[in-house]
């Protein structure tokens, strides 16, 4: 099953990765200064993932395709990895559409006793 994993970066910011059922990261967020903001970002992904025109298909300077998922205000809420092909990128978009809504949230920043 897909999941959102909340982690903390070295600079102290929170981020999430959406992982497909096979464990592959299919979407990564920006850095958030507060965990609550990170959780709101996850909710925004769940809300916007099914909407086709929220995906911005791009090509990096190195020629590799990737995509951004944007909120209704145009702000980027997640970016994909770099893909070897446009068809791979398109499959990545479909994976986010399929997996985001029902993905569980796993907070890896919580200290275990």
PDB file of N, CA and C in Angstrom:
ATOM      1  N   UNK A   1       0.826  -1.181   0.000  1.00  0.00           N
ATOM      2  CA  UNK A   1       0.000   0.000   0.000  1.00  0.00           C
ATOM      3  C   UNK A   1       0.873   1.248   0.000  1.00  0.00           C
ATOM      4  N   UNK A   2       0.422   2.273  -0.681  1.00  0.00           N
ATOM      5  CA  UNK A   2       1.166   3.523  -0.767  1.00  0.00           C
ATOM      6  C   UNK A   2       1.148   4.242   0.576  1.00  0.00           C
ATOM      7  N   UNK A   3       2.164   5.090   0.780  1.00  0.00           N
ATOM      8  CA  UNK A   3       2.208   5.860   2.022  1.00  0.00           C
ATOM      9  C   UNK A   3       2.958   7.164   1.830  1.00  0.00           C
ATOM     10  N   UNK A   4       2.574   8.140   2.640  1.00  0.00           N
ATOM     11  CA  UNK A   4       3.309   9.392   2.762  1.00  0.00           C
ATOM     12  C   UNK A   4       4.226   9.232   3.964  1.00  0.00           C
ATOM     13  N   UNK A   5       5.506   9.472   3.779  1.00  0.00           N
ATOM     14  CA  UNK A   5       6.448   9.430   4.886  1.00  0.00           C
ATOM     15  C   UNK A   5       6.920  10.848   5.195  1.00  0.00           C
ATOM     16  N   UNK A   6       6.723  11.261   6.442  1.00  0.00           N
ATOM     17  CA  UNK A   6       7.205  12.570   6.889  1.00  0.00           C
ATOM     18  C   UNK A   6       8.587  12.368   7.502  1.00  0.00           C
ATOM     19  N   UNK A   7       9.560  13.135   7.020  1.00  0.00           N
ATOM     20  CA  UNK A   7      10.927  13.070   7.531  1.00  0.00           C
ATOM     21  C   UNK A   7      11.413  14.478   7.838  1.00  0.00           C
ATOM     22  N   UNK A   8      12.558  14.540   8.484  1.00  0.00           N
ATOM     23  CA  UNK A   8      13.165  15.834   8.804  1.00  0.00           C
ATOM     24  C   UNK A   8      14.488  15.941   8.050  1.00  0.00           C
ATOM     25  N   UNK A   9      14.693  17.068   7.375  1.00  0.00           N
ATOM     26  CA  UNK A   9      15.934  17.300   6.642  1.00  0.00           C
ATOM     27  C   UNK A   9      17.042  17.720   7.615  1.00  0.00           C
ATOM     28  N   UNK A  10      18.269  17.703   7.114  1.00  0.00           N
ATOM     29  CA  UNK A  10      19.407  18.118   7.953  1.00  0.00           C
ATOM     30  C   UNK A  10      19.277  19.560   8.426  1.00  0.00           C
ATOM     31  N   UNK A  11      18.594  20.395   7.629  1.00  0.00           N
ATOM     32  CA  UNK A  11      18.428  21.798   8.011  1.00  0.00           C
ATOM     33  C   UNK A  11      17.259  22.014   8.977  1.00  0.00           C
ATOM     34  N   UNK A  12      16.636  20.919   9.426  1.00  0.00           N
ATOM     35  CA  UNK A  12      15.553  21.014  10.394  1.00  0.00           C
ATOM     36  C   UNK A  12      14.165  21.124   9.789  1.00  0.00           C
ATOM     37  N   UNK A  13      14.078  21.259   8.461  1.00  0.00           N
ATOM     38  CA  UNK A  13      12.770  21.357   7.806  1.00  0.00           C
ATOM     39  C   UNK A  13      12.136  19.969   7.667  1.00  0.00           C
ATOM     40  N   UNK A  14      10.813  19.956   7.639  1.00  0.00           N
ATOM     41  CA  UNK A  14      10.057  18.725   7.421  1.00  0.00           C
ATOM     42  C   UNK A  14       9.759  18.590   5.934  1.00  0.00           C
ATOM     43  N   UNK A  15       9.675  17.364   5.471  1.00  0.00           N
ATOM     44  CA  UNK A  15       9.264  17.091   4.095  1.00  0.00           C
ATOM     45  C   UNK A  15       8.516  15.778   4.075  1.00  0.00           C
ATOM     46  N   UNK A  16       7.790  15.542   2.968  1.00  0.00           N
ATOM     47  CA  UNK A  16       7.162  14.235   2.806  1.00  0.00           C
ATOM     48  C   UNK A  16       7.540  13.659   1.461  1.00  0.00           C
ATOM     49  N   UNK A  17       7.544  12.337   1.435  1.00  0.00           N
ATOM     50  CA  UNK A  17       7.675  11.572   0.200  1.00  0.00           C
ATOM     51  C   UNK A  17       6.439  10.707   0.079  1.00  0.00           C
ATOM     52  N   UNK A  18       5.856  10.691  -1.101  1.00  0.00           N
ATOM     53  CA  UNK A  18       4.793   9.735  -1.402  1.00  0.00           C
ATOM     54  C   UNK A  18       5.463   8.534  -2.043  1.00  0.00           C
ATOM     55  N   UNK A  19       5.285   7.380  -1.403  1.00  0.00           N
ATOM     56  CA  UNK A  19       5.881   6.151  -1.907  1.00  0.00           C
ATOM     57  C   UNK A  19       4.779   5.224  -2.413  1.00  0.00           C
ATOM     58  N   UNK A  20       5.023   4.630  -3.569  1.00  0.00           N
ATOM     59  CA  UNK A  20       4.104   3.637  -4.132  1.00  0.00           C
ATOM     60  C   UNK A  20       4.199   2.367  -3.300  1.00  0.00           C
ATOM     61  N   UNK A  21       3.302   1.434  -3.560  1.00  0.00           N
ATOM     62  CA  UNK A  21       3.279   0.175  -2.839  1.00  0.00           C
ATOM     63  C   UNK A  21       4.586  -0.598  -2.903  1.00  0.00           C
ATOM     64  N   UNK A  22       5.365  -0.384  -3.973  1.00  0.00           N
ATOM     65  CA  UNK A  22       6.643  -1.085  -4.124  1.00  0.00           C
ATOM     66  C   UNK A  22       7.787  -0.362  -3.413  1.00  0.00           C
ATOM     67  N   UNK A  23       7.471   0.746  -2.702  1.00  0.00           N
ATOM     68  CA  UNK A  23       8.484   1.476  -1.952  1.00  0.00           C
ATOM     69  C   UNK A  23       9.177   2.578  -2.729  1.00  0.00           C
ATOM     70  N   UNK A  24       8.872   2.701  -4.010  1.00  0.00           N
ATOM     71  CA  UNK A  24       9.512   3.729  -4.835  1.00  0.00           C
ATOM     72  C   UNK A  24       8.899   5.099  -4.555  1.00  0.00           C
ATOM     73  N   UNK A  25       9.760   6.112  -4.412  1.00  0.00           N
ATOM     74  CA  UNK A  25       9.291   7.485  -4.191  1.00  0.00           C
ATOM     75  C   UNK A  25       8.720   8.009  -5.508  1.00  0.00           C
ATOM     76  N   UNK A  26       7.456   8.466  -5.468  1.00  0.00           N
ATOM     77  CA  UNK A  26       6.822   8.982  -6.687  1.00  0.00           C
ATOM     78  C   UNK A  26       6.535  10.479  -6.608  1.00  0.00           C
ATOM     79  N   UNK A  27       6.689  11.075  -5.406  1.00  0.00           N
ATOM     80  CA  UNK A  27       6.487  12.518  -5.262  1.00  0.00           C
ATOM     81  C   UNK A  27       7.202  12.969  -3.994  1.00  0.00           C
ATOM     82  N   UNK A  28       7.902  14.115  -4.082  1.00  0.00           N
ATOM     83  CA  UNK A  28       8.627  14.683  -2.945  1.00  0.00           C
ATOM     84  C   UNK A  28       8.196  16.127  -2.765  1.00  0.00           C
ATOM     85  N   UNK A  29       8.023  16.523  -1.517  1.00  0.00           N
ATOM     86  CA  UNK A  29       7.586  17.891  -1.219  1.00  0.00           C
ATOM     87  C   UNK A  29       8.769  18.837  -1.084  1.00  0.00           C
ATOM     88  N   UNK A  30       8.427  20.113  -0.966  1.00  0.00           N
ATOM     89  CA  UNK A  30       9.388  21.128  -0.582  1.00  0.00           C
ATOM     90  C   UNK A  30       9.655  20.966   0.913  1.00  0.00           C
ATOM     91  N   UNK A  31      10.528  21.795   1.462  1.00  0.00           N
ATOM     92  CA  UNK A  31      10.769  21.793   2.896  1.00  0.00           C
ATOM     93  C   UNK A  31       9.777  22.696   3.610  1.00  0.00           C
ATOM     94  N   UNK A  32       9.322  22.262   4.764  1.00  0.00           N
ATOM     95  CA  UNK A  32       8.387  23.024   5.593  1.00  0.00           C
ATOM     96  C   UNK A  32       9.035  23.289   6.947  1.00  0.00           C
ATOM     97  N   UNK A  33       8.861  24.499   7.479  1.00  0.00           N
ATOM     98  CA  UNK A  33       9.435  24.804   8.786  1.00  0.00           C
ATOM     99  C   UNK A  33       8.637  24.169   9.914  1.00  0.00           C
ATOM    100  N   UNK A  34       7.348  23.922   9.709  1.00  0.00           N
ATOM    101  CA  UNK A  34       6.493  23.327  10.743  1.00  0.00           C
ATOM    102  C   UNK A  34       5.894  22.016  10.249  1.00  0.00           C
ATOM    103  N   UNK A  35       5.782  21.049  11.158  1.00  0.00           N
ATOM    104  CA  UNK A  35       5.209  19.753  10.802  1.00  0.00           C
ATOM    105  C   UNK A  35       3.751  19.897  10.369  1.00  0.00           C
ATOM    106  N   UNK A  36       2.996  20.787  11.020  1.00  0.00           N
ATOM    107  CA  UNK A  36       1.600  20.991  10.629  1.00  0.00           C
ATOM    108  C   UNK A  36       1.487  21.452   9.177  1.00  0.00           C
ATOM    109  N   UNK A  37       2.396  22.307   8.749  1.00  0.00           N
ATOM    110  CA  UNK A  37       2.397  22.763   7.353  1.00  0.00           C
ATOM    111  C   UNK A  37       2.688  21.598   6.410  1.00  0.00           C
ATOM    112  N   UNK A  38       3.580  20.720   6.826  1.00  0.00           N
ATOM    113  CA  UNK A  38       3.899  19.530   6.035  1.00  0.00           C
ATOM    114  C   UNK A  38       2.656  18.649   5.892  1.00  0.00           C
ATOM    115  N   UNK A  39       1.925  18.470   6.993  1.00  0.00           N
ATOM    116  CA  UNK A  39       0.698  17.666   6.955  1.00  0.00           C
ATOM    117  C   UNK A  39      -0.357  18.306   6.062  1.00  0.00           C
ATOM    118  N   UNK A  40      -0.431  19.640   6.058  1.00  0.00           N
ATOM    119  CA  UNK A  40      -1.367  20.340   5.164  1.00  0.00           C
ATOM    120  C   UNK A  40      -0.966  20.130   3.711  1.00  0.00           C
ATOM    121  N   UNK A  41       0.347  20.052   3.455  1.00  0.00           N
ATOM    122  CA  UNK A  41       0.832  19.754   2.111  1.00  0.00           C
ATOM    123  C   UNK A  41       0.375  18.387   1.645  1.00  0.00           C
ATOM    124  N   UNK A  42       0.394  17.414   2.543  1.00  0.00           N
ATOM    125  CA  UNK A  42      -0.081  16.061   2.209  1.00  0.00           C
ATOM    126  C   UNK A  42      -1.563  16.110   1.861  1.00  0.00           C
ATOM    127  N   UNK A  43      -2.344  16.829   2.657  1.00  0.00           N
ATOM    128  CA  UNK A  43      -3.782  16.947   2.371  1.00  0.00           C
ATOM    129  C   UNK A  43      -4.015  17.617   1.018  1.00  0.00           C
ATOM    130  N   UNK A  44      -3.181  18.591   0.689  1.00  0.00           N
ATOM    131  CA  UNK A  44      -3.291  19.255  -0.615  1.00  0.00           C
ATOM    132  C   UNK A  44      -2.976  18.292  -1.755  1.00  0.00           C
ATOM    133  N   UNK A  45      -1.991  17.415  -1.561  1.00  0.00           N
ATOM    134  CA  UNK A  45      -1.680  16.405  -2.575  1.00  0.00           C
ATOM    135  C   UNK A  45      -2.881  15.485  -2.760  1.00  0.00           C
ATOM    136  N   UNK A  46      -3.458  15.022  -1.649  1.00  0.00           N
ATOM    137  CA  UNK A  46      -4.612  14.117  -1.741  1.00  0.00           C
ATOM    138  C   UNK A  46      -5.767  14.777  -2.501  1.00  0.00           C
ATOM    139  N   UNK A  47      -5.965  16.069  -2.280  1.00  0.00           N
ATOM    140  CA  UNK A  47      -7.061  16.800  -2.914  1.00  0.00           C
ATOM    141  C   UNK A  47      -6.796  17.060  -4.397  1.00  0.00           C
ATOM    142  N   UNK A  48      -5.556  17.389  -4.742  1.00  0.00           N
ATOM    143  CA  UNK A  48      -5.229  17.805  -6.105  1.00  0.00           C
ATOM    144  C   UNK A  48      -4.760  16.668  -7.014  1.00  0.00           C
ATOM    145  N   UNK A  49      -4.329  15.547  -6.439  1.00  0.00           N
ATOM    146  CA  UNK A  49      -3.775  14.447  -7.241  1.00  0.00           C
ATOM    147  C   UNK A  49      -4.710  13.941  -8.339  1.00  0.00           C
ATOM    148  N   UNK A  50      -6.034  13.830  -8.096  1.00  0.00           N
ATOM    149  CA  UNK A  50      -6.904  13.295  -9.156  1.00  0.00           C
ATOM    150  C   UNK A  50      -7.148  14.259 -10.320  1.00  0.00           C
ATOM    151  N   UNK A  51      -6.770  15.525 -10.181  1.00  0.00           N
ATOM    152  CA  UNK A  51      -7.103  16.554 -11.180  1.00  0.00           C
ATOM    153  C   UNK A  51      -5.984  16.653 -12.211  1.00  0.00           C
ATOM    154  N   UNK A  52      -6.278  16.226 -13.435  1.00  0.00           N
ATOM    155  CA  UNK A  52      -5.255  16.103 -14.475  1.00  0.00           C
ATOM    156  C   UNK A  52      -4.507  17.409 -14.742  1.00  0.00           C
ATOM    157  N   UNK A  53      -5.218  18.532 -14.787  1.00  0.00           N
ATOM    158  CA  UNK A  53      -4.533  19.781 -15.160  1.00  0.00           C
ATOM    159  C   UNK A  53      -3.710  20.382 -14.022  1.00  0.00           C
ATOM    160  N   UNK A  54      -3.616  19.698 -12.890  1.00  0.00           N
ATOM    161  CA  UNK A  54      -2.743  20.154 -11.793  1.00  0.00           C
ATOM    162  C   UNK A  54      -1.291  19.669 -12.002  1.00  0.00           C
ATOM    163  N   UNK A  55      -1.081  18.806 -13.005  1.00  0.00           N
ATOM    164  CA  UNK A  55       0.257  18.282 -13.270  1.00  0.00           C
ATOM    165  C   UNK A  55       0.942  19.121 -14.345  1.00  0.00           C
ATOM    166  N   UNK A  56       2.141  19.548 -14.028  1.00  0.00           N
ATOM    167  CA  UNK A  56       2.953  20.322 -14.968  1.00  0.00           C
ATOM    168  C   UNK A  56       4.087  19.415 -15.443  1.00  0.00           C
ATOM    169  N   UNK A  57       4.049  19.047 -16.718  1.00  0.00           N
ATOM    170  CA  UNK A  57       5.086  18.193 -17.295  1.00  0.00           C
ATOM    171  C   UNK A  57       6.255  19.074 -17.716  1.00  0.00           C
ATOM    172  N   UNK A  58       7.448  18.696 -17.257  1.00  0.00           N
ATOM    173  CA  UNK A  58       8.634  19.506 -17.504  1.00  0.00           C
ATOM    174  C   UNK A  58       9.772  18.618 -18.013  1.00  0.00           C
ATOM    175  N   UNK A  59      10.809  19.287 -18.514  1.00  0.00           N
ATOM    176  CA  UNK A  59      12.050  18.611 -18.889  1.00  0.00           C
ATOM    177  C   UNK A  59      13.188  19.400 -18.251  1.00  0.00           C
ATOM    178  N   UNK A  60      14.038  18.705 -17.503  1.00  0.00           N
ATOM    179  CA  UNK A  60      15.164  19.354 -16.831  1.00  0.00           C
ATOM    180  C   UNK A  60      16.231  19.746 -17.846  1.00  0.00           C
ATOM    181  N   UNK A  61      17.177  20.557 -17.396  1.00  0.00           N
ATOM    182  CA  UNK A  61      18.267  21.004 -18.281  1.00  0.00           C
ATOM    183  C   UNK A  61      19.070  19.835 -18.825  1.00  0.00           C
ATOM    184  N   UNK A  62      19.100  18.729 -18.078  1.00  0.00           N
ATOM    185  CA  UNK A  62      19.844  17.548 -18.540  1.00  0.00           C
ATOM    186  C   UNK A  62      19.027  16.682 -19.499  1.00  0.00           C
ATOM    187  N   UNK A  63      17.811  17.165 -19.862  1.00  0.00           N
ATOM    188  CA  UNK A  63      16.980  16.455 -20.832  1.00  0.00           C
ATOM    189  C   UNK A  63      16.057  15.409 -20.232  1.00  0.00           C
ATOM    190  N   UNK A  64      16.097  15.240 -18.918  1.00  0.00           N
ATOM    191  CA  UNK A  64      15.261  14.213 -18.274  1.00  0.00           C
ATOM    192  C   UNK A  64      13.882  14.781 -17.935  1.00  0.00           C
ATOM    193  N   UNK A  65      12.822  14.037 -18.282  1.00  0.00           N
ATOM    194  CA  UNK A  65      11.462  14.474 -17.964  1.00  0.00           C
ATOM    195  C   UNK A  65      11.144  14.308 -16.475  1.00  0.00           C
ATOM    196  N   UNK A  66      10.333  15.220 -15.950  1.00  0.00           N
ATOM    197  CA  UNK A  66       9.806  15.116 -14.588  1.00  0.00           C
ATOM    198  C   UNK A  66       8.497  15.886 -14.545  1.00  0.00           C
ATOM    199  N   UNK A  67       7.822  15.878 -13.393  1.00  0.00           N
ATOM    200  CA  UNK A  67       6.592  16.651 -13.275  1.00  0.00           C
ATOM    201  C   UNK A  67       6.488  17.295 -11.903  1.00  0.00           C
ATOM    202  N   UNK A  68       5.703  18.351 -11.862  1.00  0.00           N
ATOM    203  CA  UNK A  68       5.319  19.015 -10.609  1.00  0.00           C
ATOM    204  C   UNK A  68       3.812  18.855 -10.458  1.00  0.00           C
ATOM    205  N   UNK A  69       3.375  18.676  -9.215  1.00  0.00           N
ATOM    206  CA  UNK A  69       1.954  18.709  -8.888  1.00  0.00           C
ATOM    207  C   UNK A  69       1.698  20.055  -8.235  1.00  0.00           C
ATOM    208  N   UNK A  70       0.721  20.785  -8.758  1.00  0.00           N
ATOM    209  CA  UNK A  70       0.438  22.129  -8.259  1.00  0.00           C
ATOM    210  C   UNK A  70      -0.927  22.193  -7.589  1.00  0.00           C
ATOM    211  N   UNK A  71      -1.028  23.081  -6.608  1.00  0.00           N
ATOM    212  CA  UNK A  71      -2.306  23.361  -5.951  1.00  0.00           C
ATOM    213  C   UNK A  71      -3.126  24.287  -6.842  1.00  0.00           C
ATOM    214  N   UNK A  72      -4.368  24.536  -6.441  1.00  0.00           N
ATOM    215  CA  UNK A  72      -5.253  25.399  -7.240  1.00  0.00           C
ATOM    216  C   UNK A  72      -4.708  26.818  -7.364  1.00  0.00           C
ATOM    217  N   UNK A  73      -3.854  27.250  -6.423  1.00  0.00           N
ATOM    218  CA  UNK A  73      -3.262  28.594  -6.493  1.00  0.00           C
ATOM    219  C   UNK A  73      -1.990  28.628  -7.347  1.00  0.00           C
ATOM    220  N   UNK A  74      -1.626  27.489  -7.945  1.00  0.00           N
ATOM    221  CA  UNK A  74      -0.456  27.421  -8.817  1.00  0.00           C
ATOM    222  C   UNK A  74       0.841  27.095  -8.101  1.00  0.00           C
ATOM    223  N   UNK A  75       0.800  26.962  -6.780  1.00  0.00           N
ATOM    224  CA  UNK A  75       2.003  26.661  -6.011  1.00  0.00           C
ATOM    225  C   UNK A  75       2.338  25.173  -6.129  1.00  0.00           C
ATOM    226  N   UNK A  76       3.628  24.878  -6.297  1.00  0.00           N
ATOM    227  CA  UNK A  76       4.084  23.490  -6.391  1.00  0.00           C
ATOM    228  C   UNK A  76       3.985  22.838  -5.014  1.00  0.00           C
ATOM    229  N   UNK A  77       3.307  21.693  -4.949  1.00  0.00           N
ATOM    230  CA  UNK A  77       3.183  20.967  -3.681  1.00  0.00           C
ATOM    231  C   UNK A  77       3.981  19.667  -3.688  1.00  0.00           C
ATOM    232  N   UNK A  78       4.471  19.276  -4.851  1.00  0.00           N
ATOM    233  CA  UNK A  78       5.310  18.081  -4.933  1.00  0.00           C
ATOM    234  C   UNK A  78       5.956  17.973  -6.297  1.00  0.00           C
ATOM    235  N   UNK A  79       7.133  17.357  -6.321  1.00  0.00           N
ATOM    236  CA  UNK A  79       7.865  17.145  -7.573  1.00  0.00           C
ATOM    237  C   UNK A  79       8.272  15.683  -7.667  1.00  0.00           C
ATOM    238  N   UNK A  80       8.364  15.215  -8.891  1.00  0.00           N
ATOM    239  CA  UNK A  80       8.748  13.823  -9.124  1.00  0.00           C
ATOM    240  C   UNK A  80      10.262  13.700  -9.228  1.00  0.00           C
ATOM    241  N   UNK A  81      10.695  12.463  -9.340  1.00  0.00           N
ATOM    242  CA  UNK A  81      12.081  12.173  -9.683  1.00  0.00           C
ATOM    243  C   UNK A  81      12.299  12.498 -11.159  1.00  0.00           C
ATOM    244  N   UNK A  82      13.521  12.404 -11.613  1.00  0.00           N
ATOM    245  CA  UNK A  82      13.824  12.522 -13.032  1.00  0.00           C
ATOM    246  C   UNK A  82      13.615  11.152 -13.674  1.00  0.00           C
ATOM    247  N   UNK A  83      12.926  11.156 -14.802  1.00  0.00           N
ATOM    248  CA  UNK A  83      12.635   9.909 -15.507  1.00  0.00           C
ATOM    249  C   UNK A  83      13.496   9.773 -16.745  1.00  0.00           C
ATOM    250  N   UNK A  84      13.673   8.542 -17.197  1.00  0.00           N
ATOM    251  CA  UNK A  84      14.457   8.266 -18.399  1.00  0.00           C
ATOM    252  C   UNK A  84      13.675   8.597 -19.664  1.00  0.00           C
ATOM    253  N   UNK A  85      12.335   8.609 -19.564  1.00  0.00           N
ATOM    254  CA  UNK A  85      11.511   8.842 -20.754  1.00  0.00           C
ATOM    255  C   UNK A  85      10.239   9.586 -20.381  1.00  0.00           C
ATOM    256  N   UNK A  86       9.593  10.166 -21.376  1.00  0.00           N
ATOM    257  CA  UNK A  86       8.319  10.836 -21.149  1.00  0.00           C
ATOM    258  C   UNK A  86       7.242   9.831 -20.748  1.00  0.00           C
ATOM    259  N   UNK A  87       7.305   8.619 -21.298  1.00  0.00           N
ATOM    260  CA  UNK A  87       6.307   7.612 -20.919  1.00  0.00           C
ATOM    261  C   UNK A  87       6.481   7.210 -19.457  1.00  0.00           C
ATOM    262  N   UNK A  88       7.716   7.157 -18.984  1.00  0.00           N
ATOM    263  CA  UNK A  88       7.963   6.878 -17.575  1.00  0.00           C
ATOM    264  C   UNK A  88       7.388   7.968 -16.691  1.00  0.00           C
ATOM    265  N   UNK A  89       7.572   9.226 -17.110  1.00  0.00           N
ATOM    266  CA  UNK A  89       7.008  10.356 -16.368  1.00  0.00           C
ATOM    267  C   UNK A  89       5.489  10.262 -16.326  1.00  0.00           C
ATOM    268  N   UNK A  90       4.890   9.940 -17.466  1.00  0.00           N
ATOM    269  CA  UNK A  90       3.424   9.839 -17.522  1.00  0.00           C
ATOM    270  C   UNK A  90       2.909   8.714 -16.629  1.00  0.00           C
ATOM    271  N   UNK A  91       3.665   7.618 -16.547  1.00  0.00           N
ATOM    272  CA  UNK A  91       3.289   6.524 -15.638  1.00  0.00           C
ATOM    273  C   UNK A  91       3.417   6.981 -14.188  1.00  0.00           C
ATOM    274  N   UNK A  92       4.410   7.822 -13.907  1.00  0.00           N
ATOM    275  CA  UNK A  92       4.578   8.374 -12.565  1.00  0.00           C
ATOM    276  C   UNK A  92       3.382   9.220 -12.166  1.00  0.00           C
ATOM    277  N   UNK A  93       2.886  10.036 -13.089  1.00  0.00           N
ATOM    278  CA  UNK A  93       1.699  10.861 -12.832  1.00  0.00           C
ATOM    279  C   UNK A  93       0.510   9.956 -12.514  1.00  0.00           C
ATOM    280  N   UNK A  94       0.318   8.915 -13.320  1.00  0.00           N
ATOM    281  CA  UNK A  94      -0.797   7.999 -13.084  1.00  0.00           C
ATOM    282  C   UNK A  94      -0.669   7.308 -11.725  1.00  0.00           C
ATOM    283  N   UNK A  95       0.561   7.009 -11.331  1.00  0.00           N
ATOM    284  CA  UNK A  95       0.791   6.377 -10.033  1.00  0.00           C
ATOM    285  C   UNK A  95       0.403   7.312  -8.892  1.00  0.00           C
ATOM    286  N   UNK A  96       0.748   8.599  -9.006  1.00  0.00           N
ATOM    287  CA  UNK A  96       0.348   9.565  -7.978  1.00  0.00           C
ATOM    288  C   UNK A  96      -1.180   9.665  -7.929  1.00  0.00           C
ATOM    289  N   UNK A  97      -1.809   9.750  -9.098  1.00  0.00           N
ATOM    290  CA  UNK A  97      -3.278   9.830  -9.150  1.00  0.00           C
ATOM    291  C   UNK A  97      -3.925   8.627  -8.452  1.00  0.00           C
ATOM    292  N   UNK A  98      -3.367   7.448  -8.692  1.00  0.00           N
ATOM    293  CA  UNK A  98      -3.912   6.205  -8.144  1.00  0.00           C
ATOM    294  C   UNK A  98      -3.666   6.063  -6.643  1.00  0.00           C
ATOM    295  N   UNK A  99      -2.489   6.476  -6.196  1.00  0.00           N
ATOM    296  CA  UNK A  99      -2.043   6.145  -4.848  1.00  0.00           C
ATOM    297  C   UNK A  99      -2.263   7.212  -3.784  1.00  0.00           C
ATOM    298  N   UNK A 100      -2.298   8.484  -4.156  1.00  0.00           N
ATOM    299  CA  UNK A 100      -2.263   9.552  -3.152  1.00  0.00           C
ATOM    300  C   UNK A 100      -3.457   9.534  -2.209  1.00  0.00           C
ATOM    301  N   UNK A 101      -4.657   9.367  -2.742  1.00  0.00           N
ATOM    302  CA  UNK A 101      -5.853   9.558  -1.926  1.00  0.00           C
ATOM    303  C   UNK A 101      -5.928   8.602  -0.738  1.00  0.00           C
ATOM    304  N   UNK A 102      -5.602   7.338  -0.962  1.00  0.00           N
ATOM    305  CA  UNK A 102      -5.743   6.342   0.100  1.00  0.00           C
ATOM    306  C   UNK A 102      -4.446   6.052   0.842  1.00  0.00           C
ATOM    307  N   UNK A 103      -3.375   6.769   0.505  1.00  0.00           N
ATOM    308  CA  UNK A 103      -2.084   6.503   1.150  1.00  0.00           C
ATOM    309  C   UNK A 103      -2.135   6.867   2.632  1.00  0.00           C
ATOM    310  N   UNK A 104      -1.570   5.976   3.449  1.00  0.00           N
ATOM    311  CA  UNK A 104      -1.492   6.268   4.882  1.00  0.00           C
ATOM    312  C   UNK A 104      -0.355   7.266   5.120  1.00  0.00           C
ATOM    313  N   UNK A 105      -0.397   7.936   6.269  1.00  0.00           N
ATOM    314  CA  UNK A 105       0.640   8.889   6.631  1.00  0.00           C
ATOM    315  C   UNK A 105       1.484   8.274   7.742  1.00  0.00           C
ATOM    316  N   UNK A 106       2.788   8.190   7.495  1.00  0.00           N
ATOM    317  CA  UNK A 106       3.721   7.630   8.463  1.00  0.00           C
ATOM    318  C   UNK A 106       4.696   8.735   8.856  1.00  0.00           C
ATOM    319  N   UNK A 107       4.684   9.096  10.134  1.00  0.00           N
ATOM    320  CA  UNK A 107       5.553  10.161  10.642  1.00  0.00           C
ATOM    321  C   UNK A 107       6.841   9.536  11.166  1.00  0.00           C
ATOM    322  N   UNK A 108       7.914   9.675  10.413  1.00  0.00           N
ATOM    323  CA  UNK A 108       9.201   9.088  10.806  1.00  0.00           C
ATOM    324  C   UNK A 108      10.003  10.027  11.713  1.00  0.00           C
ATOM    325  N   UNK A 109       9.438  11.182  12.053  1.00  0.00           N
ATOM    326  CA  UNK A 109      10.128  12.119  12.934  1.00  0.00           C
ATOM    327  C   UNK A 109       9.785  11.880  14.398  1.00  0.00           C
ATOM    328  N   UNK A 110       8.805  11.029  14.664  1.00  0.00           N
ATOM    329  CA  UNK A 110       8.391  10.744  16.029  1.00  0.00           C
ATOM    330  C   UNK A 110       9.407   9.805  16.678  1.00  0.00           C
ATOM    331  N   UNK A 111       9.902  10.195  17.831  1.00  0.00           N
ATOM    332  CA  UNK A 111      10.878   9.366  18.550  1.00  0.00           C
ATOM    333  C   UNK A 111      10.172   8.164  19.167  1.00  0.00           C
ATOM    334  N   UNK A 112      10.744   7.003  18.953  1.00  0.00           N
ATOM    335  CA  UNK A 112      10.192   5.787  19.561  1.00  0.00           C
ATOM    336  C   UNK A 112      10.816   5.593  20.942  1.00  0.00           C
ATOM    337  N   UNK A 113      10.009   5.227  21.889  1.00  0.00           N
ATOM    338  CA  UNK A 113      10.479   5.021  23.267  1.00  0.00           C
ATOM    339  C   UNK A 113      11.223   3.708  23.382  1.00  0.00           C
TER     340      UNK A 113
END
